[in-house]
Amino acid sequence: MPSVAEQLKSARESRHLSVHRVAEITRMRADHVQALERGDYRAFVAPVYIRGFVRAYARCVHLDEAAIMTALDGELASRRESGARPGVPVDADQPRPARLPRVFSGRWQVLAPVAAGVFAAVGGFFLLRFWWTSPGDDPLAGIAPGYHQGPFVAETLPLPAEVPR
Protein backbone atom coordinates (compact mmCIF):
# COMPACT_ATOMS: atom_id res chain seq x y z
CA MET A 1 0.00 0.00 0.00
CA PRO A 2 1.41 3.44 -0.91
CA SER A 3 2.34 5.82 1.88
CA VAL A 4 0.28 8.90 2.72
CA ALA A 5 2.81 11.11 0.97
CA GLU A 6 2.64 9.05 -2.23
CA GLN A 7 -1.17 9.04 -2.18
CA LEU A 8 -1.32 12.82 -1.76
CA LYS A 9 1.20 13.48 -4.51
CA SER A 10 -0.40 11.09 -7.01
CA ALA A 11 -3.86 12.55 -6.32
CA ARG A 12 -2.54 16.08 -6.87
CA GLU A 13 -0.84 15.09 -10.11
CA SER A 14 -3.93 13.25 -11.38
CA ARG A 15 -5.98 16.41 -10.84
CA HIS A 16 -3.32 18.48 -12.67
CA LEU A 17 -2.77 20.81 -9.71
CA SER A 18 0.54 22.48 -8.97
CA VAL A 19 2.05 22.60 -5.51
CA HIS A 20 1.40 26.32 -5.37
CA ARG A 21 -2.26 25.88 -6.33
CA VAL A 22 -2.75 23.29 -3.56
CA ALA A 23 -1.03 25.66 -1.14
CA GLU A 24 -3.37 28.45 -2.22
CA ILE A 25 -6.50 26.32 -1.89
CA THR A 26 -5.56 24.83 1.49
CA ARG A 27 -3.96 28.06 2.76
CA MET A 28 -0.76 26.25 3.63
CA ARG A 29 2.75 27.28 2.79
CA ALA A 30 4.15 25.66 -0.36
CA ASP A 31 7.10 24.20 1.55
CA HIS A 32 4.64 22.44 3.89
CA VAL A 33 2.86 20.93 0.89
CA GLN A 34 6.20 19.70 -0.45
CA ALA A 35 7.14 18.30 2.97
CA LEU A 36 3.87 16.36 3.12
CA GLU A 37 4.53 14.95 -0.35
CA ARG A 38 8.01 13.85 0.72
CA GLY A 39 6.70 12.38 3.98
CA ASP A 40 9.07 14.67 5.87
CA TYR A 41 7.11 15.45 9.00
CA ARG A 42 10.05 17.21 10.65
CA ALA A 43 8.92 20.45 9.01
CA PHE A 44 6.00 20.60 11.45
CA VAL A 45 6.28 21.53 15.11
CA ALA A 46 3.62 19.14 16.42
CA PRO A 47 1.60 16.13 15.26
CA VAL A 48 -1.61 18.14 15.42
CA TYR A 49 -0.36 20.30 12.53
CA ILE A 50 0.56 17.22 10.51
CA ARG A 51 -2.94 15.79 11.00
CA GLY A 52 -4.67 19.07 10.13
CA PHE A 53 -2.59 19.70 7.04
CA VAL A 54 -2.99 16.12 5.75
CA ARG A 55 -6.75 16.35 6.29
CA ALA A 56 -6.94 19.67 4.39
CA TYR A 57 -4.72 18.32 1.60
CA ALA A 58 -6.83 15.14 1.27
CA ARG A 59 -10.00 17.22 1.13
CA CYS A 60 -8.44 19.44 -1.57
CA VAL A 61 -7.55 16.51 -3.85
CA HIS A 62 -10.80 14.63 -3.06
CA LEU A 63 -9.31 11.63 -1.27
CA ASP A 64 -11.09 9.62 1.41
CA GLU A 65 -10.19 11.54 4.57
CA ALA A 66 -10.92 8.68 6.95
CA ALA A 67 -8.67 6.26 5.04
CA ILE A 68 -5.86 8.82 4.78
CA MET A 69 -6.09 9.67 8.49
CA THR A 70 -5.99 5.98 9.43
CA ALA A 71 -2.88 5.49 7.27
CA LEU A 72 -1.32 8.62 8.76
CA ASP A 73 -1.96 7.37 12.29
CA GLY A 74 -0.16 4.14 11.38
CA GLU A 75 2.83 6.03 9.96
CA LEU A 76 3.04 8.33 12.98
CA ALA A 77 2.77 5.36 15.35
CA SER A 78 5.61 3.57 13.56
CA ARG A 79 7.75 6.72 13.88
CA ARG A 80 6.90 6.91 17.57
CA GLU A 81 7.88 3.28 18.08
CA SER A 82 11.21 3.91 16.42
CA GLY A 83 11.90 6.65 18.98
CA ALA A 84 11.43 9.64 16.70
CA ARG A 85 8.85 12.24 17.55
CA PRO A 86 6.74 13.13 14.48
CA GLY A 87 7.08 16.88 14.60
CA VAL A 88 10.65 17.18 15.82
CA PRO A 89 13.84 16.45 13.88
CA VAL A 90 15.55 13.23 14.94
CA ASP A 91 18.83 14.99 15.77
CA ALA A 92 17.19 17.60 18.02
CA ASP A 93 18.02 16.59 21.58
CA GLN A 94 17.71 20.14 22.91
CA PRO A 95 14.37 21.90 23.34
CA ARG A 96 13.56 24.47 20.71
CA PRO A 97 13.83 28.12 21.74
CA ALA A 98 10.63 30.13 21.78
CA ARG A 99 10.18 32.13 18.61
CA LEU A 100 8.11 35.15 17.75
CA PRO A 101 5.52 34.76 15.00
CA ARG A 102 6.87 35.27 11.49
CA VAL A 103 5.09 38.61 11.24
CA PHE A 104 7.31 40.19 13.89
CA SER A 105 10.60 38.38 13.32
CA GLY A 106 13.26 40.97 12.51
CA ARG A 107 10.82 43.79 11.80
CA TRP A 108 10.04 44.78 15.39
CA GLN A 109 13.60 45.98 15.92
CA VAL A 110 13.01 48.57 13.20
CA LEU A 111 9.31 49.24 13.68
CA ALA A 112 9.36 49.85 17.44
CA PRO A 113 11.72 52.87 17.35
CA VAL A 114 9.94 54.27 14.29
CA ALA A 115 6.55 53.95 15.98
CA ALA A 116 7.91 55.57 19.17
CA GLY A 117 9.33 58.46 17.14
CA VAL A 118 6.07 59.02 15.28
CA PHE A 119 4.14 58.89 18.55
CA ALA A 120 6.50 61.45 20.16
CA ALA A 121 6.32 63.78 17.13
CA VAL A 122 2.52 63.73 16.98
CA GLY A 123 2.25 64.19 20.75
CA GLY A 124 4.72 67.08 20.67
CA PHE A 125 2.81 68.75 17.84
CA PHE A 126 -0.46 68.66 19.76
CA LEU A 127 1.18 69.86 22.99
CA LEU A 128 2.74 72.85 21.21
CA ARG A 129 -0.51 73.64 19.44
CA PHE A 130 -2.39 73.60 22.75
CA TRP A 131 0.24 75.80 24.38
CA TRP A 132 0.17 78.40 21.59
CA THR A 133 -3.62 78.57 21.38
CA SER A 134 -4.44 78.38 25.09
CA PRO A 135 -5.85 81.58 26.59
CA GLY A 136 -3.83 83.56 29.12
CA ASP A 137 -4.97 84.37 32.65
CA ASP A 138 -7.62 86.92 31.57
CA PRO A 139 -9.74 85.83 28.61
CA LEU A 140 -10.86 89.45 27.98
CA ALA A 141 -7.36 90.96 28.14
CA GLY A 142 -7.05 91.98 24.46
CA ILE A 143 -10.61 93.28 23.93
CA ALA A 144 -11.21 97.06 23.88
CA PRO A 145 -14.24 98.50 25.67
CA GLY A 146 -17.31 98.83 23.46
CA TYR A 147 -20.56 100.75 23.46
CA HIS A 148 -23.91 99.21 24.16
CA GLN A 149 -26.50 99.87 21.50
CA GLY A 150 -30.12 99.44 22.22
CA PRO A 151 -32.30 96.80 20.63
CA PHE A 152 -33.40 97.26 17.05
CA VAL A 153 -37.03 98.10 16.54
CA ALA A 154 -38.90 96.35 13.75
CA GLU A 155 -40.30 99.61 12.31
CA THR A 156 -36.82 101.01 11.72
CA LEU A 157 -35.55 98.09 9.67
CA PRO A 158 -35.34 98.79 5.94
CA LEU A 159 -37.71 96.79 3.74
CA PRO A 160 -36.59 95.26 0.45
CA ALA A 161 -37.51 97.18 -2.69
CA GLU A 162 -39.52 94.35 -4.21
CA VAL A 163 -41.12 91.58 -2.29
CA PRO A 164 -41.07 88.25 -4.15
CA ARG A 165 -44.48 86.64 -4.56
C-alpha atoms as a PDB file:
ATOM      1  CA  MET A   1       0.000   0.000   0.000  1.00  0.00           C
ATOM      2  CA  PRO A   2       1.413   3.437  -0.911  1.00  0.00           C
ATOM      3  CA  SER A   3       2.336   5.821   1.884  1.00  0.00           C
ATOM      4  CA  VAL A   4       0.278   8.896   2.721  1.00  0.00           C
ATOM      5  CA  ALA A   5       2.807  11.113   0.972  1.00  0.00           C
ATOM      6  CA  GLU A   6       2.637   9.051  -2.233  1.00  0.00           C
ATOM      7  CA  GLN A   7      -1.168   9.037  -2.176  1.00  0.00           C
ATOM      8  CA  LEU A   8      -1.324  12.823  -1.757  1.00  0.00           C
ATOM      9  CA  LYS A   9       1.195  13.480  -4.510  1.00  0.00           C
ATOM     10  CA  SER A  10      -0.399  11.094  -7.007  1.00  0.00           C
ATOM     11  CA  ALA A  11      -3.865  12.546  -6.322  1.00  0.00           C
ATOM     12  CA  ARG A  12      -2.538  16.077  -6.867  1.00  0.00           C
ATOM     13  CA  GLU A  13      -0.841  15.094 -10.111  1.00  0.00           C
ATOM     14  CA  SER A  14      -3.927  13.252 -11.384  1.00  0.00           C
ATOM     15  CA  ARG A  15      -5.980  16.406 -10.842  1.00  0.00           C
ATOM     16  CA  HIS A  16      -3.320  18.477 -12.673  1.00  0.00           C
ATOM     17  CA  LEU A  17      -2.770  20.808  -9.706  1.00  0.00           C
ATOM     18  CA  SER A  18       0.540  22.476  -8.965  1.00  0.00           C
ATOM     19  CA  VAL A  19       2.053  22.597  -5.510  1.00  0.00           C
ATOM     20  CA  HIS A  20       1.398  26.323  -5.371  1.00  0.00           C
ATOM     21  CA  ARG A  21      -2.259  25.876  -6.334  1.00  0.00           C
ATOM     22  CA  VAL A  22      -2.745  23.292  -3.563  1.00  0.00           C
ATOM     23  CA  ALA A  23      -1.027  25.663  -1.136  1.00  0.00           C
ATOM     24  CA  GLU A  24      -3.374  28.452  -2.218  1.00  0.00           C
ATOM     25  CA  ILE A  25      -6.500  26.317  -1.892  1.00  0.00           C
ATOM     26  CA  THR A  26      -5.557  24.833   1.491  1.00  0.00           C
ATOM     27  CA  ARG A  27      -3.963  28.064   2.760  1.00  0.00           C
ATOM     28  CA  MET A  28      -0.760  26.249   3.629  1.00  0.00           C
ATOM     29  CA  ARG A  29       2.755  27.277   2.791  1.00  0.00           C
ATOM     30  CA  ALA A  30       4.153  25.656  -0.359  1.00  0.00           C
ATOM     31  CA  ASP A  31       7.103  24.197   1.548  1.00  0.00           C
ATOM     32  CA  HIS A  32       4.641  22.441   3.890  1.00  0.00           C
ATOM     33  CA  VAL A  33       2.858  20.930   0.889  1.00  0.00           C
ATOM     34  CA  GLN A  34       6.195  19.702  -0.452  1.00  0.00           C
ATOM     35  CA  ALA A  35       7.141  18.305   2.970  1.00  0.00           C
ATOM     36  CA  LEU A  36       3.868  16.362   3.115  1.00  0.00           C
ATOM     37  CA  GLU A  37       4.526  14.951  -0.352  1.00  0.00           C
ATOM     38  CA  ARG A  38       8.007  13.846   0.721  1.00  0.00           C
ATOM     39  CA  GLY A  39       6.698  12.379   3.979  1.00  0.00           C
ATOM     40  CA  ASP A  40       9.074  14.671   5.872  1.00  0.00           C
ATOM     41  CA  TYR A  41       7.109  15.451   8.999  1.00  0.00           C
ATOM     42  CA  ARG A  42      10.051  17.210  10.652  1.00  0.00           C
ATOM     43  CA  ALA A  43       8.918  20.446   9.014  1.00  0.00           C
ATOM     44  CA  PHE A  44       5.998  20.601  11.453  1.00  0.00           C
ATOM     45  CA  VAL A  45       6.280  21.531  15.109  1.00  0.00           C
ATOM     46  CA  ALA A  46       3.622  19.140  16.417  1.00  0.00           C
ATOM     47  CA  PRO A  47       1.603  16.130  15.256  1.00  0.00           C
ATOM     48  CA  VAL A  48      -1.613  18.140  15.418  1.00  0.00           C
ATOM     49  CA  TYR A  49      -0.360  20.296  12.525  1.00  0.00           C
ATOM     50  CA  ILE A  50       0.555  17.216  10.509  1.00  0.00           C
ATOM     51  CA  ARG A  51      -2.939  15.791  10.998  1.00  0.00           C
ATOM     52  CA  GLY A  52      -4.668  19.070  10.132  1.00  0.00           C
ATOM     53  CA  PHE A  53      -2.592  19.697   7.036  1.00  0.00           C
ATOM     54  CA  VAL A  54      -2.988  16.124   5.752  1.00  0.00           C
ATOM     55  CA  ARG A  55      -6.753  16.345   6.291  1.00  0.00           C
ATOM     56  CA  ALA A  56      -6.939  19.667   4.394  1.00  0.00           C
ATOM     57  CA  TYR A  57      -4.721  18.321   1.604  1.00  0.00           C
ATOM     58  CA  ALA A  58      -6.831  15.139   1.274  1.00  0.00           C
ATOM     59  CA  ARG A  59     -10.005  17.225   1.125  1.00  0.00           C
ATOM     60  CA  CYS A  60      -8.439  19.437  -1.566  1.00  0.00           C
ATOM     61  CA  VAL A  61      -7.554  16.510  -3.850  1.00  0.00           C
ATOM     62  CA  HIS A  62     -10.802  14.634  -3.059  1.00  0.00           C
ATOM     63  CA  LEU A  63      -9.312  11.629  -1.268  1.00  0.00           C
ATOM     64  CA  ASP A  64     -11.089   9.616   1.408  1.00  0.00           C
ATOM     65  CA  GLU A  65     -10.193  11.539   4.568  1.00  0.00           C
ATOM     66  CA  ALA A  66     -10.920   8.676   6.946  1.00  0.00           C
ATOM     67  CA  ALA A  67      -8.666   6.257   5.044  1.00  0.00           C
ATOM     68  CA  ILE A  68      -5.862   8.820   4.779  1.00  0.00           C
ATOM     69  CA  MET A  69      -6.092   9.665   8.486  1.00  0.00           C
ATOM     70  CA  THR A  70      -5.986   5.984   9.428  1.00  0.00           C
ATOM     71  CA  ALA A  71      -2.882   5.485   7.267  1.00  0.00           C
ATOM     72  CA  LEU A  72      -1.316   8.622   8.757  1.00  0.00           C
ATOM     73  CA  ASP A  73      -1.963   7.374  12.290  1.00  0.00           C
ATOM     74  CA  GLY A  74      -0.161   4.143  11.380  1.00  0.00           C
ATOM     75  CA  GLU A  75       2.828   6.033   9.960  1.00  0.00           C
ATOM     76  CA  LEU A  76       3.039   8.328  12.977  1.00  0.00           C
ATOM     77  CA  ALA A  77       2.773   5.356  15.346  1.00  0.00           C
ATOM     78  CA  SER A  78       5.613   3.574  13.558  1.00  0.00           C
ATOM     79  CA  ARG A  79       7.746   6.720  13.875  1.00  0.00           C
ATOM     80  CA  ARG A  80       6.896   6.908  17.570  1.00  0.00           C
ATOM     81  CA  GLU A  81       7.878   3.285  18.084  1.00  0.00           C
ATOM     82  CA  SER A  82      11.213   3.914  16.419  1.00  0.00           C
ATOM     83  CA  GLY A  83      11.900   6.654  18.976  1.00  0.00           C
ATOM     84  CA  ALA A  84      11.429   9.641  16.704  1.00  0.00           C
ATOM     85  CA  ARG A  85       8.853  12.245  17.553  1.00  0.00           C
ATOM     86  CA  PRO A  86       6.744  13.128  14.479  1.00  0.00           C
ATOM     87  CA  GLY A  87       7.075  16.881  14.601  1.00  0.00           C
ATOM     88  CA  VAL A  88      10.649  17.178  15.818  1.00  0.00           C
ATOM     89  CA  PRO A  89      13.838  16.450  13.883  1.00  0.00           C
ATOM     90  CA  VAL A  90      15.552  13.235  14.944  1.00  0.00           C
ATOM     91  CA  ASP A  91      18.831  14.989  15.769  1.00  0.00           C
ATOM     92  CA  ALA A  92      17.192  17.597  18.023  1.00  0.00           C
ATOM     93  CA  ASP A  93      18.018  16.590  21.580  1.00  0.00           C
ATOM     94  CA  GLN A  94      17.712  20.143  22.908  1.00  0.00           C
ATOM     95  CA  PRO A  95      14.372  21.903  23.342  1.00  0.00           C
ATOM     96  CA  ARG A  96      13.560  24.468  20.708  1.00  0.00           C
ATOM     97  CA  PRO A  97      13.828  28.117  21.741  1.00  0.00           C
ATOM     98  CA  ALA A  98      10.633  30.132  21.782  1.00  0.00           C
ATOM     99  CA  ARG A  99      10.175  32.128  18.606  1.00  0.00           C
ATOM    100  CA  LEU A 100       8.114  35.155  17.747  1.00  0.00           C
ATOM    101  CA  PRO A 101       5.520  34.762  15.003  1.00  0.00           C
ATOM    102  CA  ARG A 102       6.866  35.269  11.492  1.00  0.00           C
ATOM    103  CA  VAL A 103       5.091  38.608  11.237  1.00  0.00           C
ATOM    104  CA  PHE A 104       7.311  40.188  13.888  1.00  0.00           C
ATOM    105  CA  SER A 105      10.601  38.380  13.324  1.00  0.00           C
ATOM    106  CA  GLY A 106      13.264  40.970  12.505  1.00  0.00           C
ATOM    107  CA  ARG A 107      10.821  43.792  11.804  1.00  0.00           C
ATOM    108  CA  TRP A 108      10.037  44.778  15.385  1.00  0.00           C
ATOM    109  CA  GLN A 109      13.596  45.981  15.915  1.00  0.00           C
ATOM    110  CA  VAL A 110      13.011  48.573  13.203  1.00  0.00           C
ATOM    111  CA  LEU A 111       9.313  49.242  13.681  1.00  0.00           C
ATOM    112  CA  ALA A 112       9.356  49.848  17.440  1.00  0.00           C
ATOM    113  CA  PRO A 113      11.722  52.875  17.353  1.00  0.00           C
ATOM    114  CA  VAL A 114       9.937  54.268  14.291  1.00  0.00           C
ATOM    115  CA  ALA A 115       6.548  53.949  15.984  1.00  0.00           C
ATOM    116  CA  ALA A 116       7.908  55.568  19.167  1.00  0.00           C
ATOM    117  CA  GLY A 117       9.334  58.459  17.139  1.00  0.00           C
ATOM    118  CA  VAL A 118       6.072  59.017  15.278  1.00  0.00           C
ATOM    119  CA  PHE A 119       4.136  58.892  18.552  1.00  0.00           C
ATOM    120  CA  ALA A 120       6.503  61.445  20.160  1.00  0.00           C
ATOM    121  CA  ALA A 121       6.317  63.781  17.135  1.00  0.00           C
ATOM    122  CA  VAL A 122       2.524  63.725  16.983  1.00  0.00           C
ATOM    123  CA  GLY A 123       2.246  64.189  20.747  1.00  0.00           C
ATOM    124  CA  GLY A 124       4.715  67.083  20.669  1.00  0.00           C
ATOM    125  CA  PHE A 125       2.812  68.750  17.836  1.00  0.00           C
ATOM    126  CA  PHE A 126      -0.462  68.657  19.758  1.00  0.00           C
ATOM    127  CA  LEU A 127       1.175  69.860  22.985  1.00  0.00           C
ATOM    128  CA  LEU A 128       2.741  72.847  21.207  1.00  0.00           C
ATOM    129  CA  ARG A 129      -0.514  73.640  19.444  1.00  0.00           C
ATOM    130  CA  PHE A 130      -2.390  73.595  22.750  1.00  0.00           C
ATOM    131  CA  TRP A 131       0.243  75.795  24.382  1.00  0.00           C
ATOM    132  CA  TRP A 132       0.167  78.404  21.587  1.00  0.00           C
ATOM    133  CA  THR A 133      -3.621  78.570  21.381  1.00  0.00           C
ATOM    134  CA  SER A 134      -4.442  78.380  25.095  1.00  0.00           C
ATOM    135  CA  PRO A 135      -5.846  81.583  26.587  1.00  0.00           C
ATOM    136  CA  GLY A 136      -3.827  83.563  29.123  1.00  0.00           C
ATOM    137  CA  ASP A 137      -4.967  84.371  32.647  1.00  0.00           C
ATOM    138  CA  ASP A 138      -7.622  86.917  31.567  1.00  0.00           C
ATOM    139  CA  PRO A 139      -9.744  85.826  28.611  1.00  0.00           C
ATOM    140  CA  LEU A 140     -10.859  89.451  27.983  1.00  0.00           C
ATOM    141  CA  ALA A 141      -7.361  90.961  28.143  1.00  0.00           C
ATOM    142  CA  GLY A 142      -7.051  91.976  24.458  1.00  0.00           C
ATOM    143  CA  ILE A 143     -10.613  93.281  23.935  1.00  0.00           C
ATOM    144  CA  ALA A 144     -11.212  97.062  23.877  1.00  0.00           C
ATOM    145  CA  PRO A 145     -14.241  98.497  25.665  1.00  0.00           C
ATOM    146  CA  GLY A 146     -17.311  98.833  23.463  1.00  0.00           C
ATOM    147  CA  TYR A 147     -20.559 100.746  23.464  1.00  0.00           C
ATOM    148  CA  HIS A 148     -23.907  99.214  24.158  1.00  0.00           C
ATOM    149  CA  GLN A 149     -26.495  99.872  21.497  1.00  0.00           C
ATOM    150  CA  GLY A 150     -30.124  99.439  22.220  1.00  0.00           C
ATOM    151  CA  PRO A 151     -32.297  96.796  20.626  1.00  0.00           C
ATOM    152  CA  PHE A 152     -33.398  97.264  17.048  1.00  0.00           C
ATOM    153  CA  VAL A 153     -37.034  98.100  16.542  1.00  0.00           C
ATOM    154  CA  ALA A 154     -38.897  96.347  13.751  1.00  0.00           C
ATOM    155  CA  GLU A 155     -40.296  99.606  12.314  1.00  0.00           C
ATOM    156  CA  THR A 156     -36.822 101.013  11.720  1.00  0.00           C
ATOM    157  CA  LEU A 157     -35.554  98.092   9.668  1.00  0.00           C
ATOM    158  CA  PRO A 158     -35.341  98.786   5.938  1.00  0.00           C
ATOM    159  CA  LEU A 159     -37.705  96.790   3.740  1.00  0.00           C
ATOM    160  CA  PRO A 160     -36.591  95.260   0.455  1.00  0.00           C
ATOM    161  CA  ALA A 161     -37.509  97.175  -2.692  1.00  0.00           C
ATOM    162  CA  GLU A 162     -39.520  94.352  -4.211  1.00  0.00           C
ATOM    163  CA  VAL A 163     -41.124  91.575  -2.294  1.00  0.00           C
ATOM    164  CA  PRO A 164     -41.071  88.246  -4.150  1.00  0.00           C
ATOM    165  CA  ARG A 165     -44.484  86.644  -4.558  1.00  0.00           C
END
